[in-house]
Amino acid sequence: MFTGIISDIGTIRSIEHRGDLRAVVATAYDTSGVDLGASISCSGVCLTVIDKGPGWFTVDISGETVSRTAQGQWSEGRKLNLERAMKLGDELGGHIVTGHVDGVAEVVRVEPSGDSKTIAFRVARDLAPYIAAKGSVTVDGVSLTVNMVSDGAEGTEFTVNLIPHTQAVTTLGAIEAGQAVNIEIDVLARYLSRMRSLLEK
């Protein structure tokens, strides 16, 4: 489990094409305190540490993960939002995040709003019911609050606000229109939808 509060921006140092992809990620984490087998969220994707050394760790990325995450996500030089798994007793500063990507959204526009930025995303219709104004959503591993939601012929758009701090400590500060991002819906919305579907049978 994660919280969506990013604690480092890593960089993919190298990619090896095997049966799965193998990525070496450069990080500012003290990797002596990272166990092999530990989970690290990499731009919203829960991955397992299989090797490590000072200033880096290695993960395997399955074909299933590649197919369900943002295009271009797994390439050399790509910046990743990193978060280590939460421990019992940690402060839950964001919301409960599983690290299981539900879909990919497209950045529609980026607009200044004072010192902040307002970002609009478009998601497919299957994710639309799970996104609500003032609810939580995870974008590339970052816990954010939804400002507004609007449904249209081309899909559903929602907006979030990025304060200067979030821009500075995540990759979202450099986000651009047309970019693809990983989306995880609020786990509570997922379970409520399942409960409703059972009650309607």
Protein backbone atom coordinates (compact mmCIF):
# COMPACT_ATOMS: atom_id res chain seq x y z
CA MET A 1 0.00 0.00 0.00
CA PHE A 2 1.04 3.58 -0.71
CA THR A 3 -0.28 7.07 0.02
CA GLY A 4 0.42 8.96 -3.20
CA ILE A 5 2.92 11.25 -1.45
CA ILE A 6 6.06 11.21 -3.60
CA SER A 7 9.39 10.99 -1.77
CA ASP A 8 11.86 10.98 -4.68
CA ILE A 9 12.06 11.50 -8.43
CA GLY A 10 14.02 8.63 -9.93
CA THR A 11 15.43 8.19 -13.43
CA ILE A 12 15.48 5.03 -15.52
CA ARG A 13 19.19 4.46 -15.99
CA SER A 14 18.87 1.49 -18.34
CA ILE A 15 16.32 -0.88 -19.86
CA GLU A 16 17.03 -4.49 -20.76
CA HIS A 17 14.62 -6.36 -23.02
CA ARG A 18 14.29 -9.92 -21.72
CA GLY A 19 11.16 -12.05 -21.35
CA ASP A 20 10.00 -9.01 -19.38
CA LEU A 21 11.57 -5.57 -19.25
CA ARG A 22 14.26 -5.08 -16.62
CA ALA A 23 14.86 -1.49 -15.51
CA VAL A 24 17.63 -0.03 -13.39
CA VAL A 25 16.35 3.09 -11.61
CA ALA A 26 18.63 5.75 -10.18
CA THR A 27 17.37 7.12 -6.85
CA ALA A 28 18.30 9.33 -3.93
CA TYR A 29 16.97 6.68 -1.52
CA ASP A 30 19.44 5.09 0.88
CA THR A 31 19.15 1.69 -0.75
CA SER A 32 20.93 -0.01 2.16
CA GLY A 33 17.57 0.28 3.92
CA VAL A 34 15.61 -1.17 0.96
CA ASP A 35 15.13 -4.95 1.17
CA LEU A 36 15.17 -7.19 -1.87
CA GLY A 37 11.52 -8.03 -2.50
CA ALA A 38 10.35 -4.64 -1.24
CA SER A 39 7.67 -2.77 -3.17
CA ILE A 40 8.30 0.68 -4.64
CA SER A 41 5.69 2.67 -6.53
CA CYS A 42 7.19 3.87 -9.83
CA SER A 43 4.89 6.56 -11.27
CA GLY A 44 1.92 4.75 -9.77
CA VAL A 45 3.00 1.18 -10.58
CA CYS A 46 3.84 -1.16 -7.69
CA LEU A 47 7.09 -2.93 -8.62
CA THR A 48 9.32 -5.35 -6.73
CA VAL A 49 12.99 -4.62 -6.04
CA ILE A 50 15.04 -7.55 -7.37
CA ASP A 51 18.54 -6.03 -7.11
CA LYS A 52 20.07 -2.87 -5.69
CA GLY A 53 23.24 -0.95 -5.03
CA PRO A 54 24.23 2.50 -3.79
CA GLY A 55 21.91 4.97 -5.53
CA TRP A 56 20.02 2.46 -7.67
CA PHE A 57 17.58 -0.45 -7.67
CA THR A 58 16.36 -2.90 -10.32
CA VAL A 59 12.79 -3.98 -11.13
CA ASP A 60 11.18 -6.32 -13.65
CA ILE A 61 8.20 -4.98 -15.63
CA SER A 62 5.85 -7.59 -17.11
CA GLY A 63 4.21 -7.36 -20.51
CA GLU A 64 0.85 -6.96 -18.73
CA THR A 65 2.17 -3.90 -16.88
CA VAL A 66 3.63 -2.38 -20.04
CA SER A 67 0.30 -2.85 -21.86
CA ARG A 68 -1.70 -1.13 -19.13
CA THR A 69 0.54 1.87 -18.45
CA ALA A 70 1.32 5.10 -20.25
CA GLN A 71 3.07 4.75 -23.59
CA GLY A 72 6.76 5.64 -23.31
CA GLN A 73 6.71 5.09 -19.55
CA TRP A 74 9.45 2.48 -19.61
CA SER A 75 12.29 4.10 -21.54
CA GLU A 76 15.85 5.07 -20.69
CA GLY A 77 16.10 8.54 -19.17
CA ARG A 78 12.42 8.65 -18.14
CA LYS A 79 11.73 10.38 -14.81
CA LEU A 80 9.61 8.42 -12.32
CA ASN A 81 7.68 9.47 -9.23
CA LEU A 82 8.91 7.15 -6.47
CA GLU A 83 7.26 6.17 -3.20
CA ARG A 84 8.25 3.39 -0.84
CA ALA A 85 5.50 1.21 0.62
CA MET A 86 3.90 2.63 3.75
CA LYS A 87 4.56 1.07 7.13
CA LEU A 88 2.02 0.48 9.87
CA GLY A 89 1.80 3.71 11.85
CA ASP A 90 2.94 5.99 9.00
CA GLU A 91 1.03 9.20 8.43
CA LEU A 92 -1.54 8.80 5.66
CA GLY A 93 -0.93 12.14 4.00
CA GLY A 94 -2.64 11.39 0.69
CA HIS A 95 -5.14 8.54 0.30
CA ILE A 96 -4.94 4.75 0.09
CA VAL A 97 -3.15 3.83 -3.15
CA THR A 98 -2.59 0.23 -4.25
CA GLY A 99 -0.13 0.75 -7.09
CA HIS A 100 -2.45 -1.03 -9.55
CA VAL A 101 -3.07 1.17 -12.59
CA ASP A 102 -6.70 1.26 -13.75
CA GLY A 103 -6.16 3.09 -17.01
CA VAL A 104 -4.33 5.76 -18.94
CA ALA A 105 -5.47 9.36 -19.29
CA GLU A 106 -4.39 12.06 -21.75
CA VAL A 107 -3.44 15.58 -20.67
CA VAL A 108 -5.86 17.90 -22.48
CA ARG A 109 -4.53 21.24 -21.30
CA VAL A 110 -2.26 22.90 -18.74
CA GLU A 111 -3.23 26.37 -17.53
CA PRO A 112 -1.66 28.73 -14.98
CA SER A 113 -3.80 29.52 -11.94
CA GLY A 114 -1.90 31.97 -9.76
CA ASP A 115 1.26 30.17 -8.68
CA SER A 116 -0.49 26.85 -9.27
CA LYS A 117 -1.39 25.00 -12.45
CA THR A 118 -4.76 23.57 -13.45
CA ILE A 119 -4.40 20.33 -15.40
CA ALA A 120 -7.24 18.82 -17.42
CA PHE A 121 -7.21 15.10 -18.23
CA ARG A 122 -9.41 12.98 -20.49
CA VAL A 123 -10.26 9.41 -19.48
CA ALA A 124 -12.20 6.63 -21.19
CA ARG A 125 -15.85 6.06 -20.36
CA ASP A 126 -15.17 2.92 -18.30
CA LEU A 127 -13.27 4.99 -15.69
CA ALA A 128 -15.68 7.94 -15.70
CA PRO A 129 -18.08 6.60 -13.01
CA TYR A 130 -15.20 6.35 -10.51
CA ILE A 131 -14.06 9.96 -10.74
CA ALA A 132 -16.00 12.55 -8.76
CA ALA A 133 -15.51 16.20 -7.87
CA LYS A 134 -13.64 16.56 -4.56
CA GLY A 135 -12.79 12.86 -4.65
CA SER A 136 -9.28 11.43 -4.82
CA VAL A 137 -7.41 10.20 -7.89
CA THR A 138 -3.82 9.03 -8.42
CA VAL A 139 -1.98 10.48 -11.43
CA ASP A 140 1.43 8.92 -12.13
CA GLY A 141 1.53 7.88 -8.49
CA VAL A 142 0.60 11.31 -7.10
CA SER A 143 -2.45 11.63 -4.82
CA LEU A 144 -4.58 14.53 -6.08
CA THR A 145 -8.02 16.01 -5.43
CA VAL A 146 -10.42 16.24 -8.37
CA ASN A 147 -11.70 19.78 -8.94
CA MET A 148 -14.36 19.31 -11.61
CA VAL A 149 -15.67 16.52 -13.83
CA SER A 150 -17.48 16.90 -17.15
CA ASP A 151 -18.83 14.17 -19.43
CA GLY A 152 -18.77 14.68 -23.20
CA ALA A 153 -18.95 12.84 -26.51
CA GLU A 154 -15.17 12.29 -26.57
CA GLY A 155 -15.00 11.00 -23.02
CA THR A 156 -14.83 12.41 -19.53
CA GLU A 157 -12.59 15.30 -18.55
CA PHE A 158 -11.53 16.10 -15.02
CA THR A 159 -9.26 18.78 -13.61
CA VAL A 160 -6.81 18.92 -10.72
CA ASN A 161 -4.81 21.74 -9.21
CA LEU A 162 -1.03 21.49 -8.75
CA ILE A 163 0.37 23.75 -6.05
CA PRO A 164 4.02 24.89 -6.43
CA HIS A 165 5.23 22.25 -3.95
CA THR A 166 3.69 19.41 -5.97
CA GLN A 167 5.15 20.85 -9.16
CA ALA A 168 8.61 20.92 -7.54
CA VAL A 169 8.70 17.44 -5.98
CA THR A 170 6.97 15.36 -8.70
CA THR A 171 7.29 14.88 -12.44
CA LEU A 172 3.92 16.60 -12.88
CA GLY A 173 5.62 20.01 -12.76
CA ALA A 174 6.82 19.37 -16.33
CA ILE A 175 3.57 17.86 -17.62
CA GLU A 176 2.42 18.90 -21.11
CA ALA A 177 -0.72 18.65 -23.22
CA GLY A 178 -0.88 15.40 -25.16
CA GLN A 179 1.09 13.45 -22.55
CA ALA A 180 -0.21 10.09 -21.33
CA VAL A 181 -0.35 9.41 -17.59
CA ASN A 182 -1.20 6.46 -15.36
CA ILE A 183 -4.50 6.66 -13.48
CA GLU A 184 -5.57 4.77 -10.38
CA ILE A 185 -9.09 5.38 -9.14
CA ASP A 186 -9.90 5.63 -5.45
CA VAL A 187 -10.06 2.11 -4.03
CA LEU A 188 -13.22 3.04 -2.10
CA ALA A 189 -14.96 3.97 -5.36
CA ARG A 190 -14.01 0.59 -6.79
CA TYR A 191 -15.55 -1.33 -3.89
CA LEU A 192 -18.67 0.85 -3.76
CA SER A 193 -19.26 0.16 -7.45
CA ARG A 194 -18.92 -3.58 -6.86
CA MET A 195 -21.35 -3.47 -3.94
CA ARG A 196 -23.88 -1.51 -5.99
CA SER A 197 -23.66 -3.98 -8.88
CA LEU A 198 -24.38 -6.87 -6.48
CA LEU A 199 -27.33 -5.07 -4.89
CA GLU A 200 -28.86 -4.37 -8.31
CA LYS A 201 -28.90 -8.09 -9.26
